[in-house]
Structures are given as C-alpha cells and as structure tokens.
PDB file of N, CA and C in Angstrom:
ATOM      1  N   UNK A   1       0.856  -1.185   0.000  1.00  0.00           N
ATOM      2  CA  UNK A   1       0.000   0.000   0.000  1.00  0.00           C
ATOM      3  C   UNK A   1       0.895   1.240   0.000  1.00  0.00           C
ATOM      4  N   UNK A   2       0.568   2.183  -0.855  1.00  0.00           N
ATOM      5  CA  UNK A   2       1.306   3.431  -0.974  1.00  0.00           C
ATOM      6  C   UNK A   2       0.303   4.579  -0.934  1.00  0.00           C
ATOM      7  N   UNK A   3       0.671   5.663  -0.262  1.00  0.00           N
ATOM      8  CA  UNK A   3      -0.199   6.849  -0.197  1.00  0.00           C
ATOM      9  C   UNK A   3       0.629   8.105  -0.398  1.00  0.00           C
ATOM     10  N   UNK A   4       0.113   9.007  -1.223  1.00  0.00           N
ATOM     11  CA  UNK A   4       0.797  10.272  -1.505  1.00  0.00           C
ATOM     12  C   UNK A   4      -0.191  11.426  -1.511  1.00  0.00           C
ATOM     13  N   UNK A   5       0.305  12.585  -1.116  1.00  0.00           N
ATOM     14  CA  UNK A   5      -0.431  13.839  -1.273  1.00  0.00           C
ATOM     15  C   UNK A   5       0.245  14.575  -2.417  1.00  0.00           C
ATOM     16  N   UNK A   6      -0.557  15.036  -3.376  1.00  0.00           N
ATOM     17  CA  UNK A   6      -0.051  15.777  -4.530  1.00  0.00           C
ATOM     18  C   UNK A   6      -0.609  17.186  -4.514  1.00  0.00           C
ATOM     19  N   UNK A   7       0.219  18.160  -4.834  1.00  0.00           N
ATOM     20  CA  UNK A   7      -0.235  19.528  -5.071  1.00  0.00           C
ATOM     21  C   UNK A   7       0.218  19.869  -6.490  1.00  0.00           C
ATOM     22  N   UNK A   8      -0.762  20.063  -7.363  1.00  0.00           N
ATOM     23  CA  UNK A   8      -0.522  20.207  -8.796  1.00  0.00           C
ATOM     24  C   UNK A   8      -0.747  21.658  -9.187  1.00  0.00           C
ATOM     25  N   UNK A   9       0.259  22.260  -9.820  1.00  0.00           N
ATOM     26  CA  UNK A   9       0.118  23.666 -10.212  1.00  0.00           C
ATOM     27  C   UNK A   9       0.246  23.819 -11.720  1.00  0.00           C
ATOM     28  N   UNK A  10      -0.253  24.926 -12.201  1.00  0.00           N
ATOM     29  CA  UNK A  10      -0.281  25.231 -13.622  1.00  0.00           C
ATOM     30  C   UNK A  10      -1.693  25.649 -13.993  1.00  0.00           C
ATOM     31  N   UNK A  11      -2.089  25.386 -15.242  1.00  0.00           N
ATOM     32  CA  UNK A  11      -3.477  25.637 -15.650  1.00  0.00           C
ATOM     33  C   UNK A  11      -4.249  24.345 -15.358  1.00  0.00           C
ATOM     34  N   UNK A  12      -4.697  24.227 -14.112  1.00  0.00           N
ATOM     35  CA  UNK A  12      -5.317  22.982 -13.656  1.00  0.00           C
ATOM     36  C   UNK A  12      -6.722  23.178 -13.091  1.00  0.00           C
ATOM     37  N   UNK A  13      -7.188  24.413 -13.027  1.00  0.00           N
ATOM     38  CA  UNK A  13      -8.562  24.674 -12.595  1.00  0.00           C
ATOM     39  C   UNK A  13      -9.360  25.175 -13.792  1.00  0.00           C
ATOM     40  N   UNK A  14     -10.612  24.723 -13.882  1.00  0.00           N
ATOM     41  CA  UNK A  14     -11.474  25.136 -14.982  1.00  0.00           C
ATOM     42  C   UNK A  14     -11.209  24.386 -16.273  1.00  0.00           C
ATOM     43  N   UNK A  15     -10.475  23.265 -16.185  1.00  0.00           N
ATOM     44  CA  UNK A  15     -10.132  22.496 -17.387  1.00  0.00           C
ATOM     45  C   UNK A  15     -10.559  21.029 -17.269  1.00  0.00           C
ATOM     46  N   UNK A  16     -11.364  20.712 -16.250  1.00  0.00           N
ATOM     47  CA  UNK A  16     -11.836  19.342 -16.073  1.00  0.00           C
ATOM     48  C   UNK A  16     -10.844  18.422 -15.391  1.00  0.00           C
ATOM     49  N   UNK A  17      -9.870  19.002 -14.694  1.00  0.00           N
ATOM     50  CA  UNK A  17      -8.835  18.184 -14.054  1.00  0.00           C
ATOM     51  C   UNK A  17      -9.411  17.247 -12.998  1.00  0.00           C
ATOM     52  N   UNK A  18     -10.280  17.770 -12.140  1.00  0.00           N
ATOM     53  CA  UNK A  18     -10.811  16.930 -11.057  1.00  0.00           C
ATOM     54  C   UNK A  18     -11.657  15.769 -11.581  1.00  0.00           C
ATOM     55  N   UNK A  19     -12.626  15.985 -12.467  1.00  0.00           N
ATOM     56  CA  UNK A  19     -13.383  14.837 -12.992  1.00  0.00           C
ATOM     57  C   UNK A  19     -12.487  13.839 -13.736  1.00  0.00           C
ATOM     58  N   UNK A  20     -11.504  14.349 -14.463  1.00  0.00           N
ATOM     59  CA  UNK A  20     -10.549  13.481 -15.161  1.00  0.00           C
ATOM     60  C   UNK A  20      -9.811  12.615 -14.149  1.00  0.00           C
ATOM     61  N   UNK A  21      -9.387  13.210 -13.047  1.00  0.00           N
ATOM     62  CA  UNK A  21      -8.639  12.461 -12.043  1.00  0.00           C
ATOM     63  C   UNK A  21      -9.513  11.425 -11.353  1.00  0.00           C
ATOM     64  N   UNK A  22     -10.770  11.750 -11.072  1.00  0.00           N
ATOM     65  CA  UNK A  22     -11.688  10.772 -10.480  1.00  0.00           C
ATOM     66  C   UNK A  22     -11.821   9.570 -11.414  1.00  0.00           C
ATOM     67  N   UNK A  23     -11.977   9.817 -12.697  1.00  0.00           N
ATOM     68  CA  UNK A  23     -12.114   8.740 -13.676  1.00  0.00           C
ATOM     69  C   UNK A  23     -10.862   7.865 -13.727  1.00  0.00           C
ATOM     70  N   UNK A  24      -9.691   8.506 -13.801  1.00  0.00           N
ATOM     71  CA  UNK A  24      -8.428   7.752 -13.868  1.00  0.00           C
ATOM     72  C   UNK A  24      -8.191   6.952 -12.600  1.00  0.00           C
ATOM     73  N   UNK A  25      -8.386   7.572 -11.439  1.00  0.00           N
ATOM     74  CA  UNK A  25      -8.157   6.891 -10.166  1.00  0.00           C
ATOM     75  C   UNK A  25      -9.087   5.696 -10.008  1.00  0.00           C
ATOM     76  N   UNK A  26     -10.350   5.887 -10.366  1.00  0.00           N
ATOM     77  CA  UNK A  26     -11.323   4.807 -10.267  1.00  0.00           C
ATOM     78  C   UNK A  26     -10.927   3.646 -11.171  1.00  0.00           C
ATOM     79  N   UNK A  27     -10.487   3.944 -12.380  1.00  0.00           N
ATOM     80  CA  UNK A  27     -10.075   2.901 -13.320  1.00  0.00           C
ATOM     81  C   UNK A  27      -8.870   2.121 -12.798  1.00  0.00           C
ATOM     82  N   UNK A  28      -7.997   2.797 -12.058  1.00  0.00           N
ATOM     83  CA  UNK A  28      -6.797   2.153 -11.526  1.00  0.00           C
ATOM     84  C   UNK A  28      -7.023   1.503 -10.164  1.00  0.00           C
ATOM     85  N   UNK A  29      -8.199   1.704  -9.579  1.00  0.00           N
ATOM     86  CA  UNK A  29      -8.478   1.149  -8.262  1.00  0.00           C
ATOM     87  C   UNK A  29      -7.796   1.892  -7.133  1.00  0.00           C
ATOM     88  N   UNK A  30      -7.525   3.190  -7.349  1.00  0.00           N
ATOM     89  CA  UNK A  30      -6.856   4.028  -6.353  1.00  0.00           C
ATOM     90  C   UNK A  30      -7.907   4.720  -5.490  1.00  0.00           C
ATOM     91  N   UNK A  31      -7.685   4.746  -4.184  1.00  0.00           N
ATOM     92  CA  UNK A  31      -8.563   5.448  -3.250  1.00  0.00           C
ATOM     93  C   UNK A  31      -8.039   6.858  -3.010  1.00  0.00           C
ATOM     94  N   UNK A  32      -8.928   7.730  -2.496  1.00  0.00           N
ATOM     95  CA  UNK A  32      -8.500   9.072  -2.117  1.00  0.00           C
ATOM     96  C   UNK A  32      -9.500  10.130  -2.532  1.00  0.00           C
ATOM     97  N   UNK A  33      -8.972  11.320  -2.787  1.00  0.00           N
ATOM     98  CA  UNK A  33      -9.817  12.452  -3.141  1.00  0.00           C
ATOM     99  C   UNK A  33      -9.008  13.488  -3.917  1.00  0.00           C
ATOM    100  N   UNK A  34      -9.742  14.429  -4.541  1.00  0.00           N
ATOM    101  CA  UNK A  34      -9.135  15.546  -5.260  1.00  0.00           C
ATOM    102  C   UNK A  34      -9.986  16.784  -5.008  1.00  0.00           C
ATOM    103  N   UNK A  35      -9.337  17.947  -4.924  1.00  0.00           N
ATOM    104  CA  UNK A  35     -10.068  19.206  -4.722  1.00  0.00           C
ATOM    105  C   UNK A  35      -9.259  20.373  -5.272  1.00  0.00           C
ATOM    106  N   UNK A  36      -9.967  21.465  -5.579  1.00  0.00           N
ATOM    107  CA  UNK A  36      -9.331  22.728  -5.929  1.00  0.00           C
ATOM    108  C   UNK A  36      -8.938  23.452  -4.651  1.00  0.00           C
ATOM    109  N   UNK A  37      -7.874  24.239  -4.747  1.00  0.00           N
ATOM    110  CA  UNK A  37      -7.466  25.085  -3.627  1.00  0.00           C
ATOM    111  C   UNK A  37      -7.549  26.550  -4.061  1.00  0.00           C
ATOM    112  N   UNK A  38      -7.729  27.417  -3.082  1.00  0.00           N
ATOM    113  CA  UNK A  38      -7.909  28.846  -3.354  1.00  0.00           C
ATOM    114  C   UNK A  38      -6.714  29.463  -4.075  1.00  0.00           C
ATOM    115  N   UNK A  39      -5.534  28.865  -3.935  1.00  0.00           N
ATOM    116  CA  UNK A  39      -4.333  29.421  -4.578  1.00  0.00           C
ATOM    117  C   UNK A  39      -4.205  29.027  -6.054  1.00  0.00           C
ATOM    118  N   UNK A  40      -5.219  28.334  -6.606  1.00  0.00           N
ATOM    119  CA  UNK A  40      -5.204  27.963  -8.021  1.00  0.00           C
ATOM    120  C   UNK A  40      -4.617  26.589  -8.306  1.00  0.00           C
ATOM    121  N   UNK A  41      -4.183  25.884  -7.269  1.00  0.00           N
ATOM    122  CA  UNK A  41      -3.653  24.545  -7.452  1.00  0.00           C
ATOM    123  C   UNK A  41      -4.758  23.505  -7.262  1.00  0.00           C
ATOM    124  N   UNK A  42      -4.446  22.277  -7.595  1.00  0.00           N
ATOM    125  CA  UNK A  42      -5.299  21.133  -7.317  1.00  0.00           C
ATOM    126  C   UNK A  42      -4.535  20.258  -6.331  1.00  0.00           C
ATOM    127  N   UNK A  43      -5.227  19.802  -5.289  1.00  0.00           N
ATOM    128  CA  UNK A  43      -4.627  18.942  -4.276  1.00  0.00           C
ATOM    129  C   UNK A  43      -5.308  17.583  -4.340  1.00  0.00           C
ATOM    130  N   UNK A  44      -4.519  16.529  -4.159  1.00  0.00           N
ATOM    131  CA  UNK A  44      -5.089  15.176  -4.187  1.00  0.00           C
ATOM    132  C   UNK A  44      -4.390  14.286  -3.182  1.00  0.00           C
ATOM    133  N   UNK A  45      -5.146  13.346  -2.655  1.00  0.00           N
ATOM    134  CA  UNK A  45      -4.616  12.258  -1.846  1.00  0.00           C
ATOM    135  C   UNK A  45      -4.873  10.988  -2.631  1.00  0.00           C
ATOM    136  N   UNK A  46      -3.811  10.250  -2.946  1.00  0.00           N
ATOM    137  CA  UNK A  46      -3.954   9.019  -3.716  1.00  0.00           C
ATOM    138  C   UNK A  46      -3.348   7.871  -2.921  1.00  0.00           C
ATOM    139  N   UNK A  47      -4.051   6.734  -2.907  1.00  0.00           N
ATOM    140  CA  UNK A  47      -3.628   5.622  -2.063  1.00  0.00           C
ATOM    141  C   UNK A  47      -4.050   4.294  -2.678  1.00  0.00           C
ATOM    142  N   UNK A  48      -3.169   3.314  -2.589  1.00  0.00           N
ATOM    143  CA  UNK A  48      -3.495   1.984  -3.095  1.00  0.00           C
ATOM    144  C   UNK A  48      -2.255   1.209  -3.428  1.00  0.00           C
ATOM    145  N   UNK A  49      -2.401   0.260  -4.344  1.00  0.00           N
ATOM    146  CA  UNK A  49      -1.278  -0.526  -4.839  1.00  0.00           C
ATOM    147  C   UNK A  49      -0.188   0.432  -5.334  1.00  0.00           C
ATOM    148  N   UNK A  50       1.059   0.174  -4.945  1.00  0.00           N
ATOM    149  CA  UNK A  50       2.153   1.094  -5.274  1.00  0.00           C
ATOM    150  C   UNK A  50       2.263   1.360  -6.779  1.00  0.00           C
ATOM    151  N   UNK A  51       2.109   0.340  -7.605  1.00  0.00           N
ATOM    152  CA  UNK A  51       2.203   0.533  -9.058  1.00  0.00           C
ATOM    153  C   UNK A  51       1.078   1.423  -9.575  1.00  0.00           C
ATOM    154  N   UNK A  52      -0.134   1.233  -9.062  1.00  0.00           N
ATOM    155  CA  UNK A  52      -1.274   2.048  -9.495  1.00  0.00           C
ATOM    156  C   UNK A  52      -1.105   3.493  -9.049  1.00  0.00           C
ATOM    157  N   UNK A  53      -0.616   3.695  -7.829  1.00  0.00           N
ATOM    158  CA  UNK A  53      -0.383   5.053  -7.323  1.00  0.00           C
ATOM    159  C   UNK A  53       0.662   5.756  -8.192  1.00  0.00           C
ATOM    160  N   UNK A  54       1.733   5.055  -8.533  1.00  0.00           N
ATOM    161  CA  UNK A  54       2.769   5.657  -9.378  1.00  0.00           C
ATOM    162  C   UNK A  54       2.247   5.952 -10.775  1.00  0.00           C
ATOM    163  N   UNK A  55       1.426   5.057 -11.316  1.00  0.00           N
ATOM    164  CA  UNK A  55       0.848   5.293 -12.640  1.00  0.00           C
ATOM    165  C   UNK A  55      -0.052   6.525 -12.632  1.00  0.00           C
ATOM    166  N   UNK A  56      -0.865   6.673 -11.586  1.00  0.00           N
ATOM    167  CA  UNK A  56      -1.728   7.846 -11.493  1.00  0.00           C
ATOM    168  C   UNK A  56      -0.895   9.114 -11.321  1.00  0.00           C
ATOM    169  N   UNK A  57       0.131   9.064 -10.492  1.00  0.00           N
ATOM    170  CA  UNK A  57       0.989  10.240 -10.296  1.00  0.00           C
ATOM    171  C   UNK A  57       1.641  10.652 -11.614  1.00  0.00           C
ATOM    172  N   UNK A  58       2.089   9.679 -12.412  1.00  0.00           N
ATOM    173  CA  UNK A  58       2.673   9.995 -13.729  1.00  0.00           C
ATOM    174  C   UNK A  58       1.628  10.620 -14.652  1.00  0.00           C
ATOM    175  N   UNK A  59       0.411  10.058 -14.648  1.00  0.00           N
ATOM    176  CA  UNK A  59      -0.657  10.599 -15.500  1.00  0.00           C
ATOM    177  C   UNK A  59      -0.988  12.034 -15.100  1.00  0.00           C
ATOM    178  N   UNK A  60      -0.906  12.329 -13.803  1.00  0.00           N
ATOM    179  CA  UNK A  60      -1.212  13.684 -13.326  1.00  0.00           C
ATOM    180  C   UNK A  60      -0.237  14.714 -13.869  1.00  0.00           C
ATOM    181  N   UNK A  61       0.944  14.309 -14.260  1.00  0.00           N
ATOM    182  CA  UNK A  61       1.919  15.242 -14.846  1.00  0.00           C
ATOM    183  C   UNK A  61       1.463  15.735 -16.213  1.00  0.00           C
ATOM    184  N   UNK A  62       0.619  14.951 -16.872  1.00  0.00           N
ATOM    185  CA  UNK A  62       0.037  15.372 -18.154  1.00  0.00           C
ATOM    186  C   UNK A  62      -1.332  16.000 -17.936  1.00  0.00           C
ATOM    187  N   UNK A  63      -2.165  15.321 -17.139  1.00  0.00           N
ATOM    188  CA  UNK A  63      -3.517  15.817 -16.887  1.00  0.00           C
ATOM    189  C   UNK A  63      -4.408  15.653 -18.101  1.00  0.00           C
ATOM    190  N   UNK A  64      -5.617  16.217 -18.032  1.00  0.00           N
ATOM    191  CA  UNK A  64      -6.521  16.162 -19.185  1.00  0.00           C
ATOM    192  C   UNK A  64      -5.994  17.034 -20.320  1.00  0.00           C
ATOM    193  N   UNK A  65      -6.573  16.845 -21.474  1.00  0.00           N
ATOM    194  CA  UNK A  65      -6.086  17.510 -22.690  1.00  0.00           C
ATOM    195  C   UNK A  65      -5.913  19.028 -22.557  1.00  0.00           C
ATOM    196  N   UNK A  66      -6.834  19.719 -21.899  1.00  0.00           N
ATOM    197  CA  UNK A  66      -6.761  21.183 -21.836  1.00  0.00           C
ATOM    198  C   UNK A  66      -5.956  21.722 -20.655  1.00  0.00           C
ATOM    199  N   UNK A  67      -5.398  20.845 -19.835  1.00  0.00           N
ATOM    200  CA  UNK A  67      -4.586  21.298 -18.694  1.00  0.00           C
ATOM    201  C   UNK A  67      -3.143  21.556 -19.130  1.00  0.00           C
ATOM    202  N   UNK A  68      -2.464  22.382 -18.358  1.00  0.00           N
ATOM    203  CA  UNK A  68      -1.021  22.597 -18.529  1.00  0.00           C
ATOM    204  C   UNK A  68      -0.402  22.473 -17.147  1.00  0.00           C
ATOM    205  N   UNK A  69       0.187  21.335 -16.845  1.00  0.00           N
ATOM    206  CA  UNK A  69       0.784  21.104 -15.530  1.00  0.00           C
ATOM    207  C   UNK A  69       2.198  21.653 -15.532  1.00  0.00           C
ATOM    208  N   UNK A  70       2.479  22.536 -14.568  1.00  0.00           N
ATOM    209  CA  UNK A  70       3.828  23.091 -14.430  1.00  0.00           C
ATOM    210  C   UNK A  70       4.658  22.296 -13.435  1.00  0.00           C
ATOM    211  N   UNK A  71       4.118  22.057 -12.248  1.00  0.00           N
ATOM    212  CA  UNK A  71       4.849  21.313 -11.226  1.00  0.00           C
ATOM    213  C   UNK A  71       3.882  20.466 -10.403  1.00  0.00           C
ATOM    214  N   UNK A  72       4.441  19.416  -9.813  1.00  0.00           N
ATOM    215  CA  UNK A  72       3.707  18.611  -8.842  1.00  0.00           C
ATOM    216  C   UNK A  72       4.619  18.412  -7.638  1.00  0.00           C
ATOM    217  N   UNK A  73       4.107  18.774  -6.484  1.00  0.00           N
ATOM    218  CA  UNK A  73       4.796  18.497  -5.232  1.00  0.00           C
ATOM    219  C   UNK A  73       4.196  17.202  -4.693  1.00  0.00           C
ATOM    220  N   UNK A  74       5.035  16.219  -4.409  1.00  0.00           N
ATOM    221  CA  UNK A  74       4.588  14.930  -3.886  1.00  0.00           C
ATOM    222  C   UNK A  74       5.161  14.734  -2.497  1.00  0.00           C
ATOM    223  N   UNK A  75       4.335  14.236  -1.588  1.00  0.00           N
ATOM    224  CA  UNK A  75       4.836  13.860  -0.269  1.00  0.00           C
ATOM    225  C   UNK A  75       4.103  12.621   0.218  1.00  0.00           C
ATOM    226  N   UNK A  76       4.763  11.839   1.030  1.00  0.00           N
ATOM    227  CA  UNK A  76       4.148  10.646   1.614  1.00  0.00           C
ATOM    228  C   UNK A  76       3.022  11.091   2.538  1.00  0.00           C
ATOM    229  N   UNK A  77       1.930  10.330   2.533  1.00  0.00           N
ATOM    230  CA  UNK A  77       0.750  10.701   3.316  1.00  0.00           C
ATOM    231  C   UNK A  77       0.122   9.462   3.942  1.00  0.00           C
ATOM    232  N   UNK A  78      -0.761   9.701   4.888  1.00  0.00           N
ATOM    233  CA  UNK A  78      -1.566   8.623   5.458  1.00  0.00           C
ATOM    234  C   UNK A  78      -2.688   8.301   4.479  1.00  0.00           C
ATOM    235  N   UNK A  79      -3.126   7.048   4.432  1.00  0.00           N
ATOM    236  CA  UNK A  79      -4.223   6.691   3.520  1.00  0.00           C
ATOM    237  C   UNK A  79      -5.529   7.366   3.934  1.00  0.00           C
ATOM    238  N   UNK A  80      -6.473   7.487   2.995  1.00  0.00           N
ATOM    239  CA  UNK A  80      -7.768   8.097   3.317  1.00  0.00           C
ATOM    240  C   UNK A  80      -8.564   7.213   4.276  1.00  0.00           C
ATOM    241  N   UNK A  81      -9.526   7.824   4.948  1.00  0.00           N
ATOM    242  CA  UNK A  81     -10.380   7.090   5.881  1.00  0.00           C
ATOM    243  C   UNK A  81     -11.414   6.226   5.172  1.00  0.00           C
ATOM    244  N   UNK A  82     -11.815   6.631   3.977  1.00  0.00           N
ATOM    245  CA  UNK A  82     -12.886   5.952   3.242  1.00  0.00           C
ATOM    246  C   UNK A  82     -12.360   5.348   1.949  1.00  0.00           C
ATOM    247  N   UNK A  83     -12.910   4.208   1.516  1.00  0.00           N
ATOM    248  CA  UNK A  83     -12.531   3.644   0.220  1.00  0.00           C
ATOM    249  C   UNK A  83     -13.159   4.437  -0.924  1.00  0.00           C
ATOM    250  N   UNK A  84     -12.633   4.248  -2.122  1.00  0.00           N
ATOM    251  CA  UNK A  84     -13.140   4.937  -3.305  1.00  0.00           C
ATOM    252  C   UNK A  84     -12.385   6.227  -3.556  1.00  0.00           C
ATOM    253  N   UNK A  85     -12.684   6.869  -4.670  1.00  0.00           N
ATOM    254  CA  UNK A  85     -12.022   8.125  -5.030  1.00  0.00           C
ATOM    255  C   UNK A  85     -13.092   9.156  -5.351  1.00  0.00           C
ATOM    256  N   UNK A  86     -13.053  10.294  -4.661  1.00  0.00           N
ATOM    257  CA  UNK A  86     -14.102  11.305  -4.802  1.00  0.00           C
ATOM    258  C   UNK A  86     -13.522  12.695  -4.993  1.00  0.00           C
ATOM    259  N   UNK A  87     -14.356  13.562  -5.498  1.00  0.00           N
ATOM    260  CA  UNK A  87     -14.061  14.984  -5.575  1.00  0.00           C
ATOM    261  C   UNK A  87     -14.656  15.614  -4.330  1.00  0.00           C
ATOM    262  N   UNK A  88     -13.843  16.315  -3.545  1.00  0.00           N
ATOM    263  CA  UNK A  88     -14.337  16.919  -2.319  1.00  0.00           C
ATOM    264  C   UNK A  88     -14.371  18.434  -2.468  1.00  0.00           C
ATOM    265  N   UNK A  89     -15.058  19.136  -1.546  1.00  0.00           N
ATOM    266  CA  UNK A  89     -15.188  20.586  -1.674  1.00  0.00           C
ATOM    267  C   UNK A  89     -13.840  21.313  -1.684  1.00  0.00           C
ATOM    268  N   UNK A  90     -13.807  22.398  -2.406  1.00  0.00           N
ATOM    269  CA  UNK A  90     -12.611  23.235  -2.512  1.00  0.00           C
ATOM    270  C   UNK A  90     -12.293  23.901  -1.189  1.00  0.00           C
ATOM    271  N   UNK A  91     -11.027  24.242  -1.035  1.00  0.00           N
ATOM    272  CA  UNK A  91     -10.588  24.992   0.162  1.00  0.00           C
ATOM    273  C   UNK A  91      -9.890  26.259  -0.251  1.00  0.00           C
TER     274      UNK A  91
END
C-alpha cells in the first residue's frame, strides 16, 4: 500500500482536471480524493497498490487535454479514511 499527497500547479482549474482524475483513479483502483485550492492549485490524496499510485501520479503530470501542468509536489501521506475516489469541496 502506498499513499501520496499531490499539489498540482499550472493551468489545472477550470479544465476538467478533477473529474478526469476521479475517472483515472477509479479505473486504476486508487482510493482518495481531489479538490481545488484557493491558490489555483489542485490537491489530491492518492492511495493503493504502489504501481497504481505511481501510474496515477505519472498521469497527473500530463492531466486532461486542456490542462497545462507546471509542477507537482509529492509527499508521503496517510491513507484516506474511506474507500473509493471522490471529488471533495474546494478549500
């Protein structure tokens, strides 16, 4: 089991990044959540099989077609309390 917190910056809000990430995470069987932050970044907690978590983290560097990812900050995190992958309210 692997868990990471990601903070994704660039043109990542208003481009369908969160729904895209929910779809990708669900397809990979990754648990966690994604949300917009007031500073214009997208934050996510991803958790699951180490290979699936790494695959999702790599995909996040590209994002959906209309996104432009500049940087991703990754840090080790505790797994989410609930199974599944959801979009949660912005902060």
